[in-house]
Amino acid sequence: MTAQPLVPPFTRETAVAKVRRAEDAWNSRDPQSVALAYTPDSRWRNRSEWLQGREEIVGFLTRKWARELSYRLVKELWAHDDDRIAVRFAYEWHDDTGRWFRSFGNENWEFDGAGLMRVRHASINDVPIEEPARRYHWPLGRRPDGHPGLSELGF
């Protein structure tokens, strides 16, 4: 059974659900699947990189997850209105030398009437961490429901 689409106008409940679905999708690390949540002509700013369209999104995510290994992400709703959602997030990953990082960021999302994201702006900072400082230890994939969120972790 396919999950119901979450479409504007968003309530707090549907915005929280939209954020969790996005987190789950990104934790799959499947660029093709993730790109389907965006309009075919979606516009992105990710750090200092500007992208447009699903093809560029797939290429970006493929490169990202080839370099950001053991990627695990937690997102949290910050605010919403009818067709926009603001999110804060943190993810942990390591590079090919085994150095660990926690990346903190904020995203601003805008959706079309079908619930596809047409605009995404992301600002992100990477912080080197030692492996014992990691907080995300679940098996790769979806964050377990009982795992603490950003607020509970003090992020």
N, C-alpha and C. Protein backbone atom coordinates (compact mmCIF):
# COMPACT_ATOMS: atom_id res chain seq x y z
N MET A 1 0.85 -1.17 0.00
CA MET A 1 0.00 0.00 0.00
C MET A 1 0.90 1.24 0.00
N THR A 2 0.58 2.21 -0.84
CA THR A 2 1.35 3.44 -0.94
C THR A 2 0.84 4.45 0.08
N ALA A 3 1.77 5.18 0.70
CA ALA A 3 1.39 6.20 1.67
C ALA A 3 0.63 7.32 0.98
N GLN A 4 -0.33 7.91 1.69
CA GLN A 4 -1.08 9.04 1.17
C GLN A 4 -0.13 10.20 0.89
N PRO A 5 -0.32 10.91 -0.22
CA PRO A 5 0.51 12.10 -0.45
C PRO A 5 0.19 13.17 0.58
N LEU A 6 1.20 13.87 1.01
CA LEU A 6 1.04 14.98 1.94
C LEU A 6 1.14 16.25 1.13
N VAL A 7 0.02 16.95 1.00
CA VAL A 7 -0.07 18.09 0.09
C VAL A 7 -0.46 19.36 0.87
N PRO A 8 -0.07 20.52 0.31
CA PRO A 8 -0.50 21.77 0.92
C PRO A 8 -2.02 21.90 0.83
N PRO A 9 -2.61 22.69 1.73
CA PRO A 9 -1.98 23.44 2.80
C PRO A 9 -1.62 22.52 3.97
N PHE A 10 -0.42 22.76 4.55
CA PHE A 10 0.08 21.92 5.62
C PHE A 10 -0.47 22.35 6.98
N THR A 11 -0.80 21.36 7.79
CA THR A 11 -1.07 21.56 9.21
C THR A 11 0.21 21.18 9.94
N ARG A 12 0.28 21.40 11.22
CA ARG A 12 1.46 20.98 11.97
C ARG A 12 1.66 19.46 11.81
N GLU A 13 0.60 18.71 11.91
CA GLU A 13 0.67 17.25 11.81
C GLU A 13 1.19 16.80 10.43
N THR A 14 0.65 17.38 9.36
CA THR A 14 1.10 16.96 8.03
C THR A 14 2.50 17.47 7.72
N ALA A 15 2.88 18.62 8.26
CA ALA A 15 4.25 19.12 8.08
C ALA A 15 5.25 18.21 8.78
N VAL A 16 4.94 17.77 10.00
CA VAL A 16 5.82 16.84 10.72
C VAL A 16 5.94 15.54 9.94
N ALA A 17 4.83 15.04 9.41
CA ALA A 17 4.86 13.80 8.62
C ALA A 17 5.67 13.99 7.34
N LYS A 18 5.55 15.14 6.69
CA LYS A 18 6.32 15.43 5.48
C LYS A 18 7.81 15.43 5.77
N VAL A 19 8.20 16.02 6.89
CA VAL A 19 9.61 16.06 7.29
C VAL A 19 10.13 14.64 7.53
N ARG A 20 9.35 13.82 8.22
CA ARG A 20 9.79 12.45 8.50
C ARG A 20 9.91 11.64 7.21
N ARG A 21 8.98 11.82 6.29
CA ARG A 21 9.08 11.10 5.01
C ARG A 21 10.35 11.52 4.26
N ALA A 22 10.66 12.80 4.30
CA ALA A 22 11.89 13.27 3.64
C ALA A 22 13.12 12.66 4.32
N GLU A 23 13.13 12.64 5.64
CA GLU A 23 14.25 12.03 6.37
C GLU A 23 14.39 10.56 5.98
N ASP A 24 13.29 9.84 5.98
CA ASP A 24 13.33 8.42 5.63
C ASP A 24 13.88 8.22 4.22
N ALA A 25 13.43 9.04 3.29
CA ALA A 25 13.89 8.91 1.90
C ALA A 25 15.39 9.16 1.82
N TRP A 26 15.87 10.24 2.43
CA TRP A 26 17.31 10.55 2.37
C TRP A 26 18.13 9.47 3.06
N ASN A 27 17.61 8.87 4.14
CA ASN A 27 18.35 7.79 4.80
C ASN A 27 18.41 6.52 3.97
N SER A 28 17.57 6.42 2.94
CA SER A 28 17.66 5.28 2.02
C SER A 28 18.91 5.38 1.15
N ARG A 29 19.40 6.61 0.95
CA ARG A 29 20.56 6.89 0.10
C ARG A 29 20.35 6.36 -1.33
N ASP A 30 19.11 6.47 -1.81
CA ASP A 30 18.74 6.04 -3.16
C ASP A 30 18.40 7.29 -3.98
N PRO A 31 19.37 7.83 -4.74
CA PRO A 31 19.16 9.09 -5.45
C PRO A 31 17.93 9.09 -6.36
N GLN A 32 17.69 8.01 -7.08
CA GLN A 32 16.55 7.95 -8.00
C GLN A 32 15.23 8.08 -7.24
N SER A 33 15.12 7.35 -6.15
CA SER A 33 13.90 7.39 -5.35
C SER A 33 13.71 8.75 -4.69
N VAL A 34 14.78 9.30 -4.12
CA VAL A 34 14.69 10.59 -3.45
C VAL A 34 14.25 11.67 -4.44
N ALA A 35 14.79 11.64 -5.65
CA ALA A 35 14.49 12.68 -6.65
C ALA A 35 13.02 12.73 -7.01
N LEU A 36 12.29 11.65 -6.83
CA LEU A 36 10.87 11.63 -7.18
C LEU A 36 10.02 12.51 -6.27
N ALA A 37 10.56 12.95 -5.14
CA ALA A 37 9.82 13.84 -4.23
C ALA A 37 9.87 15.29 -4.69
N TYR A 38 10.63 15.56 -5.76
CA TYR A 38 10.84 16.92 -6.25
C TYR A 38 10.17 17.08 -7.62
N THR A 39 9.74 18.30 -7.94
CA THR A 39 9.16 18.54 -9.25
C THR A 39 10.23 18.30 -10.32
N PRO A 40 9.83 17.95 -11.54
CA PRO A 40 10.82 17.72 -12.60
C PRO A 40 11.75 18.91 -12.83
N ASP A 41 11.28 20.13 -12.53
CA ASP A 41 12.12 21.32 -12.73
C ASP A 41 12.52 21.96 -11.39
N SER A 42 12.51 21.18 -10.32
CA SER A 42 12.83 21.69 -8.98
C SER A 42 14.13 22.48 -8.99
N ARG A 43 14.15 23.56 -8.21
CA ARG A 43 15.35 24.38 -8.07
C ARG A 43 15.91 24.22 -6.66
N TRP A 44 17.23 24.00 -6.58
CA TRP A 44 17.92 23.80 -5.31
C TRP A 44 19.08 24.76 -5.17
N ARG A 45 19.31 25.16 -3.92
CA ARG A 45 20.61 25.68 -3.52
C ARG A 45 21.04 24.80 -2.38
N ASN A 46 22.16 24.12 -2.55
CA ASN A 46 22.72 23.26 -1.51
C ASN A 46 24.13 23.77 -1.23
N ARG A 47 24.32 24.38 -0.07
CA ARG A 47 25.57 25.07 0.25
C ARG A 47 25.80 26.13 -0.82
N SER A 48 26.85 25.99 -1.62
CA SER A 48 27.13 26.98 -2.67
C SER A 48 26.83 26.44 -4.06
N GLU A 49 26.14 25.32 -4.14
CA GLU A 49 25.85 24.70 -5.43
C GLU A 49 24.38 24.93 -5.80
N TRP A 50 24.15 25.30 -7.04
CA TRP A 50 22.80 25.53 -7.56
C TRP A 50 22.46 24.42 -8.54
N LEU A 51 21.28 23.81 -8.36
CA LEU A 51 20.83 22.71 -9.21
C LEU A 51 19.44 23.02 -9.73
N GLN A 52 19.11 22.41 -10.88
CA GLN A 52 17.75 22.49 -11.38
C GLN A 52 17.39 21.19 -12.06
N GLY A 53 16.27 20.63 -11.63
CA GLY A 53 15.73 19.43 -12.26
C GLY A 53 16.19 18.14 -11.60
N ARG A 54 15.37 17.11 -11.82
CA ARG A 54 15.64 15.82 -11.20
C ARG A 54 16.96 15.21 -11.64
N GLU A 55 17.32 15.37 -12.89
CA GLU A 55 18.58 14.78 -13.37
C GLU A 55 19.77 15.34 -12.59
N GLU A 56 19.79 16.64 -12.37
CA GLU A 56 20.88 17.24 -11.60
C GLU A 56 20.81 16.82 -10.13
N ILE A 57 19.60 16.66 -9.60
CA ILE A 57 19.44 16.20 -8.22
C ILE A 57 20.01 14.79 -8.07
N VAL A 58 19.68 13.90 -8.99
CA VAL A 58 20.20 12.52 -8.94
C VAL A 58 21.73 12.54 -9.00
N GLY A 59 22.31 13.32 -9.89
CA GLY A 59 23.76 13.40 -9.98
C GLY A 59 24.38 13.93 -8.71
N PHE A 60 23.78 14.98 -8.15
CA PHE A 60 24.28 15.55 -6.89
C PHE A 60 24.24 14.51 -5.77
N LEU A 61 23.09 13.84 -5.59
CA LEU A 61 22.96 12.87 -4.50
C LEU A 61 23.87 11.67 -4.70
N THR A 62 24.08 11.26 -5.94
CA THR A 62 25.00 10.14 -6.21
C THR A 62 26.41 10.51 -5.77
N ARG A 63 26.85 11.72 -6.12
CA ARG A 63 28.18 12.19 -5.69
C ARG A 63 28.26 12.32 -4.17
N LYS A 64 27.21 12.88 -3.59
CA LYS A 64 27.17 13.12 -2.14
C LYS A 64 27.36 11.81 -1.38
N TRP A 65 26.57 10.81 -1.71
CA TRP A 65 26.61 9.58 -0.93
C TRP A 65 27.79 8.68 -1.30
N ALA A 66 28.49 8.99 -2.38
CA ALA A 66 29.75 8.29 -2.68
C ALA A 66 30.88 8.83 -1.80
N ARG A 67 30.73 10.07 -1.34
CA ARG A 67 31.78 10.70 -0.52
C ARG A 67 31.40 10.75 0.96
N GLU A 68 30.11 10.83 1.28
CA GLU A 68 29.64 10.89 2.67
C GLU A 68 29.17 9.48 3.04
N LEU A 69 30.08 8.69 3.57
CA LEU A 69 29.84 7.27 3.84
C LEU A 69 29.16 7.07 5.19
N SER A 70 28.41 5.97 5.31
CA SER A 70 27.67 5.64 6.54
C SER A 70 26.75 6.77 6.97
N TYR A 71 26.16 7.45 6.01
CA TYR A 71 25.29 8.61 6.19
C TYR A 71 24.05 8.25 6.98
N ARG A 72 23.81 9.01 8.06
CA ARG A 72 22.59 8.87 8.86
C ARG A 72 22.10 10.27 9.20
N LEU A 73 20.82 10.51 8.98
CA LEU A 73 20.23 11.85 9.05
C LEU A 73 19.05 11.90 10.00
N VAL A 74 18.93 13.02 10.74
CA VAL A 74 17.73 13.32 11.52
C VAL A 74 17.28 14.72 11.14
N LYS A 75 15.98 14.85 10.80
CA LYS A 75 15.39 16.15 10.47
C LYS A 75 14.33 16.48 11.52
N GLU A 76 14.09 17.79 11.69
CA GLU A 76 13.07 18.24 12.63
C GLU A 76 12.38 19.47 12.05
N LEU A 77 11.05 19.48 12.17
CA LEU A 77 10.28 20.64 11.72
C LEU A 77 10.67 21.85 12.54
N TRP A 78 10.89 22.98 11.86
CA TRP A 78 11.15 24.25 12.54
C TRP A 78 9.90 25.14 12.46
N ALA A 79 9.33 25.26 11.26
CA ALA A 79 8.13 26.09 11.07
C ALA A 79 7.47 25.68 9.76
N HIS A 80 6.22 26.12 9.56
CA HIS A 80 5.52 25.83 8.31
C HIS A 80 4.44 26.87 8.07
N ASP A 81 4.02 26.99 6.82
CA ASP A 81 2.79 27.69 6.47
C ASP A 81 2.10 26.85 5.41
N ASP A 82 1.24 27.44 4.62
CA ASP A 82 0.43 26.65 3.70
C ASP A 82 1.25 25.74 2.79
N ASP A 83 2.23 26.29 2.06
CA ASP A 83 2.98 25.48 1.10
C ASP A 83 4.49 25.50 1.34
N ARG A 84 4.90 25.93 2.51
CA ARG A 84 6.33 26.00 2.84
C ARG A 84 6.60 25.33 4.19
N ILE A 85 7.78 24.73 4.26
CA ILE A 85 8.23 24.10 5.49
C ILE A 85 9.69 24.48 5.71
N ALA A 86 10.03 24.84 6.94
CA ALA A 86 11.42 25.09 7.34
C ALA A 86 11.85 23.95 8.27
N VAL A 87 13.05 23.44 8.02
CA VAL A 87 13.55 22.26 8.71
C VAL A 87 14.95 22.55 9.23
N ARG A 88 15.28 21.97 10.38
CA ARG A 88 16.67 21.91 10.81
C ARG A 88 17.05 20.45 10.84
N PHE A 89 18.34 20.17 10.65
CA PHE A 89 18.76 18.77 10.56
C PHE A 89 20.21 18.63 11.01
N ALA A 90 20.56 17.39 11.28
CA ALA A 90 21.96 17.02 11.53
C ALA A 90 22.15 15.62 10.98
N TYR A 91 23.29 15.41 10.33
CA TYR A 91 23.61 14.07 9.88
C TYR A 91 25.06 13.75 10.20
N GLU A 92 25.32 12.46 10.34
CA GLU A 92 26.68 11.99 10.62
C GLU A 92 27.15 11.14 9.45
N TRP A 93 28.45 11.22 9.18
CA TRP A 93 29.03 10.49 8.06
C TRP A 93 30.54 10.46 8.25
N HIS A 94 31.20 9.58 7.49
CA HIS A 94 32.66 9.59 7.49
C HIS A 94 33.15 9.62 6.05
N ASP A 95 34.38 10.11 5.90
CA ASP A 95 34.98 10.15 4.57
C ASP A 95 35.73 8.85 4.31
N ASP A 96 36.39 8.77 3.16
CA ASP A 96 37.06 7.53 2.78
C ASP A 96 38.33 7.26 3.60
N THR A 97 38.74 8.20 4.45
CA THR A 97 39.88 7.95 5.36
C THR A 97 39.40 7.53 6.74
N GLY A 98 38.08 7.51 6.95
CA GLY A 98 37.53 7.12 8.25
C GLY A 98 37.28 8.27 9.20
N ARG A 99 37.53 9.51 8.77
CA ARG A 99 37.26 10.68 9.63
C ARG A 99 35.76 10.92 9.67
N TRP A 100 35.24 11.13 10.89
CA TRP A 100 33.81 11.34 11.10
C TRP A 100 33.47 12.83 11.16
N PHE A 101 32.26 13.14 10.71
CA PHE A 101 31.75 14.50 10.71
C PHE A 101 30.28 14.49 11.14
N ARG A 102 29.86 15.59 11.76
CA ARG A 102 28.44 15.84 11.96
C ARG A 102 28.15 17.13 11.20
N SER A 103 27.18 17.08 10.33
CA SER A 103 26.81 18.22 9.51
C SER A 103 25.47 18.76 10.01
N PHE A 104 25.46 20.04 10.36
CA PHE A 104 24.27 20.71 10.86
C PHE A 104 23.74 21.63 9.78
N GLY A 105 22.42 21.76 9.67
CA GLY A 105 21.91 22.66 8.66
C GLY A 105 20.45 23.03 8.83
N ASN A 106 20.04 23.91 7.95
CA ASN A 106 18.67 24.38 7.86
C ASN A 106 18.25 24.29 6.40
N GLU A 107 16.99 23.95 6.19
CA GLU A 107 16.43 23.89 4.84
C GLU A 107 15.13 24.67 4.81
N ASN A 108 14.89 25.32 3.68
CA ASN A 108 13.60 25.96 3.40
C ASN A 108 13.03 25.27 2.17
N TRP A 109 11.81 24.78 2.31
CA TRP A 109 11.17 24.03 1.24
C TRP A 109 9.89 24.74 0.78
N GLU A 110 9.62 24.66 -0.52
CA GLU A 110 8.35 25.14 -1.08
C GLU A 110 7.78 24.04 -1.97
N PHE A 111 6.46 23.80 -1.85
CA PHE A 111 5.82 22.69 -2.52
C PHE A 111 4.78 23.15 -3.54
N ASP A 112 4.56 22.30 -4.55
CA ASP A 112 3.46 22.54 -5.49
C ASP A 112 2.18 21.91 -4.91
N GLY A 113 1.07 22.04 -5.63
CA GLY A 113 -0.20 21.53 -5.14
C GLY A 113 -0.27 20.03 -4.99
N ALA A 114 0.61 19.30 -5.69
CA ALA A 114 0.64 17.84 -5.59
C ALA A 114 1.55 17.36 -4.46
N GLY A 115 2.18 18.30 -3.73
CA GLY A 115 3.04 17.93 -2.62
C GLY A 115 4.48 17.65 -3.02
N LEU A 116 4.85 17.95 -4.28
CA LEU A 116 6.24 17.79 -4.71
C LEU A 116 7.01 19.07 -4.40
N MET A 117 8.25 18.92 -3.98
CA MET A 117 9.05 20.08 -3.62
C MET A 117 9.55 20.76 -4.88
N ARG A 118 9.23 22.05 -5.01
CA ARG A 118 9.68 22.78 -6.19
C ARG A 118 10.89 23.66 -5.91
N VAL A 119 11.12 24.00 -4.63
CA VAL A 119 12.27 24.82 -4.25
C VAL A 119 12.85 24.27 -2.96
N ARG A 120 14.18 24.16 -2.91
CA ARG A 120 14.89 23.72 -1.70
C ARG A 120 16.14 24.58 -1.55
N HIS A 121 16.25 25.24 -0.40
CA HIS A 121 17.45 26.00 -0.05
C HIS A 121 18.05 25.36 1.19
N ALA A 122 19.33 24.96 1.13
CA ALA A 122 19.98 24.31 2.27
C ALA A 122 21.28 25.02 2.61
N SER A 123 21.43 25.32 3.89
CA SER A 123 22.67 25.87 4.43
C SER A 123 23.21 24.85 5.43
N ILE A 124 24.49 24.48 5.27
CA ILE A 124 25.04 23.34 6.02
C ILE A 124 26.46 23.66 6.47
N ASN A 125 26.77 23.24 7.71
CA ASN A 125 28.12 23.35 8.25
C ASN A 125 28.59 21.97 8.70
N ASP A 126 29.82 21.62 8.37
CA ASP A 126 30.41 20.34 8.76
C ASP A 126 31.32 20.54 9.96
N VAL A 127 31.16 19.66 10.96
CA VAL A 127 31.97 19.72 12.16
C VAL A 127 32.68 18.38 12.31
N PRO A 128 34.02 18.36 12.33
CA PRO A 128 34.71 17.09 12.56
C PRO A 128 34.40 16.58 13.97
N ILE A 129 34.16 15.28 14.10
CA ILE A 129 33.91 14.67 15.41
C ILE A 129 34.77 13.41 15.51
N GLU A 130 35.06 13.02 16.73
CA GLU A 130 35.70 11.74 16.97
C GLU A 130 34.62 10.66 16.97
N GLU A 131 34.99 9.46 16.58
CA GLU A 131 33.99 8.39 16.50
C GLU A 131 33.22 8.21 17.81
N PRO A 132 33.86 8.29 19.00
CA PRO A 132 33.07 8.13 20.24
C PRO A 132 32.00 9.21 20.44
N ALA A 133 32.09 10.33 19.74
CA ALA A 133 31.11 11.41 19.87
C ALA A 133 29.87 11.17 19.01
N ARG A 134 29.88 10.16 18.19
CA ARG A 134 28.73 9.88 17.33
C ARG A 134 27.49 9.61 18.17
N ARG A 135 26.34 10.00 17.65
CA ARG A 135 25.07 9.80 18.33
C ARG A 135 24.09 8.94 17.53
N TYR A 136 24.42 8.68 16.27
CA TYR A 136 23.52 7.93 15.39
C TYR A 136 24.13 6.56 15.14
N HIS A 137 23.59 5.56 15.82
CA HIS A 137 24.17 4.21 15.74
C HIS A 137 23.21 3.16 15.18
N TRP A 138 22.08 3.60 14.62
CA TRP A 138 21.15 2.60 14.11
C TRP A 138 21.71 2.00 12.82
N PRO A 139 21.24 0.80 12.43
CA PRO A 139 21.68 0.22 11.16
C PRO A 139 21.34 1.17 10.01
N LEU A 140 22.14 1.18 8.97
CA LEU A 140 21.89 2.06 7.84
C LEU A 140 20.46 1.89 7.34
N GLY A 141 19.83 2.98 6.99
CA GLY A 141 18.45 2.99 6.56
C GLY A 141 17.63 3.90 7.46
N ARG A 142 16.35 3.63 7.52
CA ARG A 142 15.40 4.47 8.27
C ARG A 142 15.77 4.55 9.75
N ARG A 143 15.68 5.75 10.31
CA ARG A 143 15.91 5.93 11.75
C ARG A 143 14.78 5.24 12.51
N PRO A 144 15.11 4.41 13.49
CA PRO A 144 14.07 3.74 14.26
C PRO A 144 13.17 4.76 14.98
N ASP A 145 11.90 4.43 15.10
CA ASP A 145 10.94 5.34 15.73
C ASP A 145 11.34 5.74 17.14
N GLY A 146 11.97 4.87 17.89
CA GLY A 146 12.34 5.18 19.27
C GLY A 146 13.64 5.97 19.42
N HIS A 147 14.34 6.19 18.32
CA HIS A 147 15.62 6.92 18.39
C HIS A 147 15.35 8.39 18.68
N PRO A 148 16.13 9.02 19.59
CA PRO A 148 15.90 10.44 19.89
C PRO A 148 16.05 11.32 18.66
N GLY A 149 15.28 12.41 18.66
CA GLY A 149 15.37 13.42 17.62
C GLY A 149 16.41 14.47 18.00
N LEU A 150 16.48 15.52 17.21
CA LEU A 150 17.48 16.56 17.43
C LEU A 150 17.32 17.24 18.78
N SER A 151 16.11 17.61 19.14
CA SER A 151 15.89 18.29 20.42
C SER A 151 16.28 17.40 21.58
N GLU A 152 15.90 16.14 21.53
CA GLU A 152 16.24 15.21 22.62
C GLU A 152 17.75 15.00 22.73
N LEU A 153 18.45 15.08 21.62
CA LEU A 153 19.92 14.92 21.63
C LEU A 153 20.66 16.21 22.00
N GLY A 154 19.93 17.29 22.15
CA GLY A 154 20.55 18.55 22.49
C GLY A 154 21.19 19.25 21.31
N PHE A 155 20.83 18.85 20.09
CA PHE A 155 21.34 19.49 18.87
C PHE A 155 20.40 20.62 18.54
